Amino acid sequence: MKTKAVRLYGKRDLRLEEFELPAVGDGEILIRIVSDSVCMSTYKTAIQGEDHIRVPKNVAQHPAIIGHEFCAEVVEVGKRWQNDYKVGDKVVVPPVLSYLGTMDTIGYSFEHIGGDSTYSLVYEHIIENGFLIKFDSKDFFSASLVEPISCVVRGFKGTFHLDGEGNHITGLKEGGKVALLAACGPMGLAALDCALHGDWKPSMIVVTDLDQARLDRAKSIFDPEEAKKQGVGLIFANTADADELMALSGGTGYDDVFAYIAVPAVVELGDAILAFDGCLNFFSGPTKKDFYVPLNFYNVHYAQHHVAGTSGSTTEDMLDVVRYISEGRIAPAVMVSHIGGMDAVIDTTLRFPEMPGAKKLIYTHINLPLTAIADFAELGKTDARFSALHEIVSAHNGLWCAEAENYLLANF
């Protein structure tokens, strides 16, 4: 079986190539990748190449398929798994293969499986360790967003507090106050969705961003009045001022603070607004290995401030997100701002930080330049297909949806 894929050979060296996959063994499964969302982590991988902790040193000789936020359908099933999987099953895969005891990760390390491919081979060890997860959904893109959302869930689970005996209690503080800093990008929006509709019950959520347009879009999706009906005070604030944020908290500070961008000033702000026994989660991984930020250790000692950092997710986290989506509790579409085809992958990946908007969703079996959903109406003046897409998403509050995906796959 031939596959077309974007492969990493070294620093800034991404190539779109067609090559032969190995034959499917008795313990393996062949999948057809349908959608993959581009991740900031993939940009960091492409920039660092073999210096990245998850990329093999011999990647130039054994190029790795990039992309780890994908949804696929089963095409061929090896004999061992024919009672467990069938052709047509939708599947997702947690990229961090923790059972290996190494840093090998899908989208960073492997030659035959990755999200930015048309077909991939699922190795036997992935399946036998329970890492090929079936996903029952009317669309593919929601499943592509399970992995990034599961990283948000891991962040929520990784924050911690102390009980009266000094023991650690993990997870968002029940009834606590949450600050999501620089949080109107895709991961911040996913965090807000999970904080409002997941397994946690904060009393207040303050969302900050210095881009008013992004704040306005977030507020149009997540209505503070609706949040209030659920007992959550939701505030959107265009500020980086600690005093202003402390005032919004009622002077108490925040029990759980998340920094969704690796900027020293944002991390310092998070430290400054923590409540007693508050936890700062540094969610966004930096590209610089000497990323230093001042931390008030007086408050670490006397105010019991904590710092956590989370990276990636677990199979359990992904199963939680699958449950949230299947129950209709969260809407992955809030993360998507652009769509594109396989021909858009390399440019999108290498220019990721400078590109506006939120998640860039790739459909690997079509060719389409990266296109903003907000541009559908204008493009529709010369291409009736975009006019149709504009009508579809307009009926869904401007969000990507299953109907739009089906139209795209049928007409592009």
Protein backbone atom coordinates (compact mmCIF):
# COMPACT_ATOMS: atom_id res chain seq x y z
CA MET A 1 0.00 0.00 0.00
CA LYS A 2 1.39 3.39 -1.00
CA THR A 3 0.94 6.33 1.33
CA LYS A 4 1.53 10.03 0.89
CA ALA A 5 2.95 11.74 3.98
CA VAL A 6 4.83 14.75 5.29
CA ARG A 7 8.07 13.45 6.81
CA LEU A 8 10.68 15.08 9.02
CA TYR A 9 14.34 14.68 7.97
CA GLY A 10 15.93 17.32 10.21
CA LYS A 11 15.71 20.96 11.29
CA ARG A 12 13.12 22.75 9.10
CA ASP A 13 13.36 19.85 6.67
CA LEU A 14 9.83 18.62 5.95
CA ARG A 15 9.04 16.78 2.74
CA LEU A 16 5.75 15.66 1.20
CA GLU A 17 6.49 12.25 -0.30
CA GLU A 18 4.82 9.09 -1.55
CA PHE A 19 6.28 5.75 -0.49
CA GLU A 20 5.38 2.12 0.14
CA LEU A 21 4.19 0.97 3.55
CA PRO A 22 5.13 -2.54 4.76
CA ALA A 23 2.51 -5.23 4.29
CA VAL A 24 0.02 -5.55 7.15
CA GLY A 25 1.16 -8.26 9.56
CA ASP A 26 -1.12 -10.56 11.54
CA GLY A 27 -0.84 -8.27 14.58
CA GLU A 28 -1.14 -4.97 12.74
CA ILE A 29 -3.90 -2.73 11.37
CA LEU A 30 -3.88 -0.42 8.35
CA ILE A 31 -5.72 2.87 8.81
CA ARG A 32 -6.78 5.62 6.44
CA ILE A 33 -6.10 9.01 8.01
CA VAL A 34 -8.95 11.43 7.28
CA SER A 35 -8.20 14.48 9.43
CA ASP A 36 -5.32 15.81 11.50
CA SER A 37 -5.04 19.09 13.37
CA VAL A 38 -1.72 20.93 13.36
CA CYS A 39 -0.17 21.41 16.79
CA MET A 40 2.33 23.97 18.09
CA SER A 41 4.30 20.96 19.34
CA THR A 42 4.79 19.85 15.74
CA TYR A 43 6.18 23.28 14.87
CA LYS A 44 8.67 22.92 17.73
CA THR A 45 9.58 19.46 16.44
CA ALA A 46 10.15 20.74 12.92
CA ILE A 47 12.30 23.61 14.14
CA GLN A 48 14.45 21.50 16.48
CA GLY A 49 14.68 18.39 14.31
CA GLU A 50 17.02 15.76 15.75
CA ASP A 51 17.69 17.98 18.78
CA HIS A 52 14.07 17.49 19.90
CA ILE A 53 13.79 15.06 22.80
CA ARG A 54 11.21 12.90 20.98
CA VAL A 55 12.94 12.82 17.57
CA PRO A 56 15.44 10.01 16.82
CA LYS A 57 19.03 11.12 16.19
CA ASN A 58 19.01 9.16 12.92
CA VAL A 59 15.86 10.83 11.60
CA ALA A 60 17.69 11.86 8.41
CA GLN A 61 18.07 8.16 7.53
CA HIS A 62 14.71 7.12 9.01
CA PRO A 63 12.35 10.06 8.49
CA ALA A 64 9.38 10.37 10.86
CA ILE A 65 5.82 11.11 9.74
CA ILE A 66 4.65 14.24 11.54
CA GLY A 67 1.19 14.84 13.00
CA HIS A 68 -0.30 13.33 16.15
CA GLU A 69 -3.84 14.76 16.40
CA PHE A 70 -5.61 12.56 13.91
CA CYS A 71 -8.73 10.54 13.28
CA ALA A 72 -8.68 7.58 10.92
CA GLU A 73 -10.81 4.72 9.72
CA VAL A 74 -9.74 1.10 9.70
CA VAL A 75 -8.94 -0.25 6.22
CA GLU A 76 -7.38 -3.67 6.86
CA VAL A 77 -7.22 -5.79 10.02
CA GLY A 78 -4.55 -8.37 10.78
CA LYS A 79 -5.74 -11.84 11.88
CA ARG A 80 -5.04 -11.26 15.58
CA TRP A 81 -7.50 -8.37 15.84
CA GLN A 82 -10.36 -9.41 13.56
CA ASN A 83 -12.68 -10.01 16.52
CA ASP A 84 -11.88 -6.57 17.97
CA TYR A 85 -11.82 -4.20 14.99
CA LYS A 86 -13.64 -4.08 11.68
CA VAL A 87 -13.15 -2.18 8.45
CA GLY A 88 -14.74 1.26 8.74
CA ASP A 89 -14.20 1.73 12.49
CA LYS A 90 -13.23 5.29 13.39
CA VAL A 91 -10.12 5.29 15.59
CA VAL A 92 -7.79 7.65 17.45
CA VAL A 93 -4.40 6.93 19.02
CA PRO A 94 -2.77 8.53 22.09
CA PRO A 95 0.60 9.67 20.68
CA VAL A 96 2.73 9.27 23.82
CA LEU A 97 3.38 5.53 24.05
CA SER A 98 4.18 5.53 27.76
CA TYR A 99 4.38 1.74 27.99
CA LEU A 100 7.59 1.78 25.90
CA GLY A 101 9.54 3.51 28.66
CA THR A 102 11.14 5.79 26.06
CA MET A 103 10.38 9.19 24.50
CA ASP A 104 9.18 7.58 21.25
CA THR A 105 5.98 9.32 20.23
CA ILE A 106 3.64 9.16 17.24
CA GLY A 107 4.15 12.23 15.09
CA TYR A 108 7.77 12.58 16.19
CA SER A 109 9.51 9.21 16.07
CA PHE A 110 7.98 6.67 13.69
CA GLU A 111 8.37 5.96 9.98
CA HIS A 112 5.03 4.28 9.27
CA ILE A 113 2.44 6.07 11.41
CA GLY A 114 1.59 9.73 11.78
CA GLY A 115 -1.30 12.13 11.30
CA ASP A 116 -0.07 13.88 8.18
CA SER A 117 -0.35 10.83 5.97
CA THR A 118 -3.01 9.29 3.78
CA TYR A 119 -2.49 5.79 5.20
CA SER A 120 -0.59 4.58 8.27
CA LEU A 121 0.35 1.24 9.78
CA VAL A 122 -0.61 0.68 13.41
CA TYR A 123 2.05 -1.47 15.05
CA GLU A 124 1.09 -4.50 17.09
CA HIS A 125 2.44 -3.10 20.36
CA ILE A 126 0.19 -0.02 20.00
CA ILE A 127 -2.92 -2.19 19.68
CA GLU A 128 -2.08 -4.75 22.36
CA ASN A 129 -1.48 -1.97 24.90
CA GLY A 130 -4.94 -0.51 24.28
CA PHE A 131 -3.75 2.58 22.41
CA LEU A 132 -5.98 2.16 19.34
CA ILE A 133 -9.24 3.66 20.59
CA LYS A 134 -12.53 3.32 18.71
CA PHE A 135 -14.53 6.54 18.44
CA ASP A 136 -18.24 6.58 17.59
CA SER A 137 -18.94 9.92 15.93
CA LYS A 138 -20.75 11.36 12.92
CA ASP A 139 -17.63 13.31 11.96
CA PHE A 140 -13.85 12.90 11.89
CA PHE A 141 -12.64 16.31 13.02
CA SER A 142 -13.98 15.96 16.57
CA ALA A 143 -11.79 12.90 17.02
CA SER A 144 -8.79 14.79 15.64
CA LEU A 145 -9.25 17.20 18.52
CA VAL A 146 -9.52 14.52 21.21
CA GLU A 147 -5.74 14.48 21.73
CA PRO A 148 -5.23 18.25 22.24
CA ILE A 149 -8.28 18.45 24.48
CA SER A 150 -7.00 15.49 26.47
CA CYS A 151 -3.82 17.51 27.14
CA VAL A 152 -6.05 20.16 28.69
CA VAL A 153 -7.71 17.50 30.82
CA ARG A 154 -4.28 16.25 31.91
CA GLY A 155 -3.46 19.82 32.97
CA PHE A 156 -6.62 19.99 35.06
CA LYS A 157 -5.79 16.67 36.66
CA GLY A 158 -2.17 17.69 37.23
CA THR A 159 -2.88 20.80 39.26
CA PHE A 160 -2.94 20.15 43.02
CA HIS A 161 -3.72 21.49 46.48
CA LEU A 162 -3.20 20.42 50.09
CA ASP A 163 -5.71 19.10 52.59
CA GLY A 164 -5.64 19.92 56.29
CA GLU A 165 -3.02 17.24 56.87
CA GLY A 166 -0.72 18.49 54.12
CA ASN A 167 -1.58 15.70 51.68
CA HIS A 168 -1.80 16.42 47.97
CA ILE A 169 -5.26 16.56 46.38
CA THR A 170 -5.08 16.60 42.60
CA GLY A 171 -7.45 18.40 40.24
CA LEU A 172 -9.11 21.79 40.09
CA LYS A 173 -10.23 22.96 43.51
CA GLU A 174 -13.91 22.20 44.03
CA GLY A 175 -15.83 25.48 43.95
CA GLY A 176 -12.59 27.36 43.42
CA LYS A 177 -11.60 30.30 41.25
CA VAL A 178 -9.78 29.64 37.96
CA ALA A 179 -7.72 32.03 35.83
CA LEU A 180 -6.93 31.04 32.24
CA LEU A 181 -4.17 33.37 31.01
CA ALA A 182 -3.57 34.12 27.32
CA ALA A 183 -6.40 31.69 26.78
CA CYS A 184 -8.33 32.66 23.66
CA GLY A 185 -6.24 30.45 21.40
CA PRO A 186 -7.32 26.88 20.64
CA MET A 187 -6.00 25.27 23.83
CA GLY A 188 -7.39 28.03 26.01
CA LEU A 189 -10.82 27.70 24.40
CA ALA A 190 -10.71 23.95 24.94
CA ALA A 191 -9.75 24.57 28.58
CA LEU A 192 -12.68 26.93 29.03
CA ASP A 193 -15.06 24.38 27.48
CA CYS A 194 -13.77 21.64 29.80
CA ALA A 195 -13.81 23.87 32.88
CA LEU A 196 -17.45 24.73 32.19
CA HIS A 197 -18.68 21.32 31.08
CA GLY A 198 -16.21 18.68 32.27
CA ASP A 199 -15.93 16.91 35.62
CA TRP A 200 -14.95 20.01 37.62
CA LYS A 201 -17.14 22.64 39.28
CA PRO A 202 -15.32 25.96 39.70
CA SER A 203 -17.27 28.94 41.00
CA MET A 204 -15.43 31.49 38.83
CA ILE A 205 -13.46 31.44 35.60
CA VAL A 206 -11.56 34.51 34.38
CA VAL A 207 -10.23 34.33 30.84
CA THR A 208 -7.56 36.79 29.70
CA ASP A 209 -6.13 37.72 26.33
CA LEU A 210 -4.57 40.89 24.91
CA ASP A 211 -6.24 40.43 21.53
CA GLN A 212 -9.73 41.95 21.75
CA ALA A 213 -10.91 40.22 18.58
CA ARG A 214 -10.03 36.84 20.07
CA LEU A 215 -11.75 37.77 23.32
CA ASP A 216 -14.88 38.83 21.44
CA ARG A 217 -14.94 35.55 19.52
CA ALA A 218 -14.56 33.56 22.73
CA LYS A 219 -17.37 35.51 24.38
CA SER A 220 -19.63 34.91 21.36
CA ILE A 221 -19.13 31.17 21.82
CA PHE A 222 -19.24 30.97 25.63
CA ASP A 223 -22.02 33.19 26.95
CA PRO A 224 -21.40 34.45 30.52
CA GLU A 225 -25.16 34.45 31.12
CA GLU A 226 -25.36 30.74 30.27
CA ALA A 227 -22.39 30.04 32.55
CA LYS A 228 -24.14 31.95 35.32
CA LYS A 229 -27.11 29.58 35.03
CA GLN A 230 -24.66 26.76 35.81
CA GLY A 231 -23.40 28.59 38.87
CA VAL A 232 -20.16 29.78 37.28
CA GLY A 233 -19.10 33.42 37.13
CA LEU A 234 -17.43 33.79 33.70
CA ILE A 235 -15.42 36.94 32.96
CA PHE A 236 -13.42 37.85 29.86
CA ALA A 237 -10.70 40.41 30.52
CA ASN A 238 -8.29 42.21 28.17
CA THR A 239 -5.61 42.78 30.77
CA ALA A 240 -2.19 41.74 31.99
CA ASP A 241 -2.47 43.74 35.21
CA ALA A 242 -2.19 41.72 38.43
CA ASP A 243 -4.08 44.29 40.53
CA GLU A 244 -7.00 44.28 38.11
CA LEU A 245 -7.16 40.49 38.10
CA MET A 246 -6.93 40.36 41.89
CA ALA A 247 -9.84 42.79 42.07
CA LEU A 248 -11.90 40.60 39.73
CA SER A 249 -11.31 37.66 42.10
CA GLY A 250 -12.70 39.67 45.00
CA GLY A 251 -9.23 40.11 46.42
CA THR A 252 -8.67 36.44 47.20
CA GLY A 253 -6.62 35.47 44.16
CA TYR A 254 -7.14 32.31 42.13
CA ASP A 255 -6.95 28.71 43.28
CA ASP A 256 -5.91 27.41 39.86
CA VAL A 257 -4.03 29.48 37.29
CA PHE A 258 -3.04 28.23 33.83
CA ALA A 259 -0.53 29.89 31.52
CA TYR A 260 -1.34 29.03 27.91
CA ILE A 261 1.62 30.80 26.35
CA ALA A 262 5.34 30.49 27.12
CA VAL A 263 5.98 34.18 27.79
CA PRO A 264 7.82 35.11 31.01
CA ALA A 265 5.46 38.01 31.78
CA VAL A 266 2.44 35.68 31.63
CA VAL A 267 4.05 33.17 33.99
CA GLU A 268 5.03 35.97 36.41
CA LEU A 269 1.45 37.26 36.27
CA GLY A 270 0.18 33.80 37.14
CA ASP A 271 2.49 33.65 40.15
CA ALA A 272 1.29 37.08 41.33
CA ILE A 273 -2.42 36.25 41.37
CA LEU A 274 -2.39 32.91 43.17
CA ALA A 275 -4.59 32.46 46.21
CA PHE A 276 -3.42 30.74 49.39
CA ASP A 277 -2.72 27.08 48.47
CA GLY A 278 -3.05 28.09 44.82
CA CYS A 279 -1.44 26.17 41.96
CA LEU A 280 0.13 27.64 38.83
CA ASN A 281 0.15 25.26 35.86
CA PHE A 282 2.69 26.15 33.18
CA PHE A 283 0.86 24.52 30.32
CA SER A 284 2.62 25.90 27.26
CA GLY A 285 5.98 24.27 26.61
CA PRO A 286 8.79 26.69 25.65
CA THR A 287 11.17 26.21 22.74
CA LYS A 288 14.06 27.70 24.74
CA LYS A 289 15.80 25.30 27.10
CA ASP A 290 16.92 28.23 29.30
CA PHE A 291 13.41 29.56 29.97
CA TYR A 292 13.78 31.22 33.38
CA VAL A 293 11.10 33.20 35.22
CA PRO A 294 11.28 34.79 38.71
CA LEU A 295 9.17 32.99 41.29
CA ASN A 296 8.18 34.35 44.69
CA PHE A 297 9.52 31.68 47.02
CA TYR A 298 8.28 33.60 50.05
CA ASN A 299 4.78 32.66 48.93
CA VAL A 300 5.86 29.12 48.13
CA HIS A 301 6.76 28.79 51.80
CA TYR A 302 4.16 30.90 53.62
CA ALA A 303 1.22 30.95 51.21
CA GLN A 304 1.64 27.34 50.08
CA HIS A 305 1.89 28.27 46.40
CA HIS A 306 2.50 25.36 44.03
CA VAL A 307 3.81 25.06 40.48
CA ALA A 308 2.97 22.25 38.08
CA GLY A 309 3.82 21.56 34.46
CA THR A 310 1.99 19.04 32.31
CA SER A 311 2.84 17.75 28.86
CA GLY A 312 0.85 15.36 26.72
CA SER A 313 -1.91 13.12 28.00
CA THR A 314 -2.76 9.53 28.85
CA THR A 315 -5.14 6.97 27.41
CA GLU A 316 -7.43 7.63 30.36
CA ASP A 317 -7.53 11.34 29.51
CA MET A 318 -8.45 10.60 25.90
CA LEU A 319 -11.20 8.26 27.00
CA ASP A 320 -12.55 11.03 29.24
CA VAL A 321 -12.65 13.41 26.28
CA VAL A 322 -14.31 10.80 24.08
CA ARG A 323 -16.96 10.53 26.80
CA TYR A 324 -17.44 14.31 26.99
CA ILE A 325 -17.90 14.53 23.23
CA SER A 326 -20.23 11.53 22.97
CA GLU A 327 -22.36 12.98 25.79
CA GLY A 328 -22.51 16.34 24.02
CA ARG A 329 -20.86 18.14 26.93
CA ILE A 330 -18.07 19.85 24.99
CA ALA A 331 -17.81 21.16 21.43
CA PRO A 332 -14.38 20.58 19.82
CA ALA A 333 -15.40 22.84 16.93
CA VAL A 334 -14.70 25.91 19.08
CA MET A 335 -10.99 25.22 18.47
CA VAL A 336 -11.10 25.24 14.65
CA SER A 337 -10.43 28.44 12.68
CA HIS A 338 -8.87 27.13 9.44
CA ILE A 339 -9.11 24.10 7.15
CA GLY A 340 -6.68 22.87 4.52
CA GLY A 341 -5.46 19.91 2.54
CA MET A 342 -2.27 17.87 2.50
CA ASP A 343 -0.57 20.51 0.34
CA ALA A 344 -0.95 23.03 3.17
CA VAL A 345 0.81 20.99 5.86
CA ILE A 346 4.44 22.04 5.43
CA ASP A 347 3.85 25.78 5.18
CA THR A 348 1.30 25.72 8.01
CA THR A 349 3.66 23.81 10.28
CA LEU A 350 6.75 25.91 9.63
CA ARG A 351 4.91 29.24 9.94
CA PHE A 352 2.60 28.17 12.74
CA PRO A 353 3.43 30.87 15.36
CA GLU A 354 2.85 33.74 12.94
CA MET A 355 -0.49 32.47 11.68
CA PRO A 356 -3.64 34.02 13.14
CA GLY A 357 -6.63 32.13 14.44
CA ALA A 358 -6.97 28.88 16.32
CA LYS A 359 -6.63 25.25 15.22
CA LYS A 360 -5.67 24.46 11.64
CA LEU A 361 -7.51 21.33 10.54
CA ILE A 362 -5.97 19.26 7.74
CA TYR A 363 -7.86 16.81 5.54
CA THR A 364 -5.17 14.55 4.16
CA HIS A 365 -6.95 13.24 1.06
CA ILE A 366 -7.64 16.61 -0.51
CA ASN A 367 -5.54 19.50 -1.80
CA LEU A 368 -6.64 22.89 -0.47
CA PRO A 369 -4.62 25.92 0.63
CA LEU A 370 -5.04 26.76 4.29
CA THR A 371 -8.34 28.65 4.42
CA ALA A 372 -9.93 30.61 7.27
CA ILE A 373 -13.55 29.76 8.03
CA ALA A 374 -14.11 33.51 8.35
CA ASP A 375 -13.12 33.90 4.68
CA PHE A 376 -15.72 31.50 3.28
CA ALA A 377 -18.19 34.28 2.43
CA GLU A 378 -15.65 36.29 0.42
CA LEU A 379 -14.31 33.19 -1.34
CA GLY A 380 -17.87 32.20 -2.13
CA LYS A 381 -18.18 35.15 -4.51
CA THR A 382 -16.02 33.28 -7.02
CA ASP A 383 -16.39 29.65 -5.87
CA ALA A 384 -19.87 28.33 -5.15
CA ARG A 385 -18.44 25.60 -2.93
CA PHE A 386 -17.25 28.16 -0.40
CA SER A 387 -20.61 29.91 -0.58
CA ALA A 388 -22.23 26.61 0.40
CA LEU A 389 -19.72 26.10 3.22
CA HIS A 390 -20.41 29.63 4.46
CA GLU A 391 -24.15 28.90 4.64
CA ILE A 392 -23.51 25.68 6.54
CA VAL A 393 -21.19 27.14 9.18
CA SER A 394 -23.36 30.25 9.55
CA ALA A 395 -26.15 27.97 10.70
CA HIS A 396 -23.77 26.67 13.40
CA ASN A 397 -22.69 29.98 14.96
CA GLY A 398 -19.80 30.26 12.53
CA LEU A 399 -18.26 26.97 13.69
CA TRP A 400 -16.97 24.01 11.70
CA CYS A 401 -19.36 21.07 11.92
CA ALA A 402 -20.12 17.57 10.65
CA GLU A 403 -22.27 18.91 7.80
CA ALA A 404 -19.45 21.18 6.63
CA GLU A 405 -16.96 18.33 6.82
CA ASN A 406 -19.20 16.05 4.78
CA TYR A 407 -19.64 18.75 2.14
CA LEU A 408 -15.89 19.38 2.00
CA LEU A 409 -15.03 15.71 1.56
CA ALA A 410 -17.67 15.30 -1.16
CA ASN A 411 -16.84 18.41 -3.17
CA PHE A 412 -13.11 19.14 -2.85
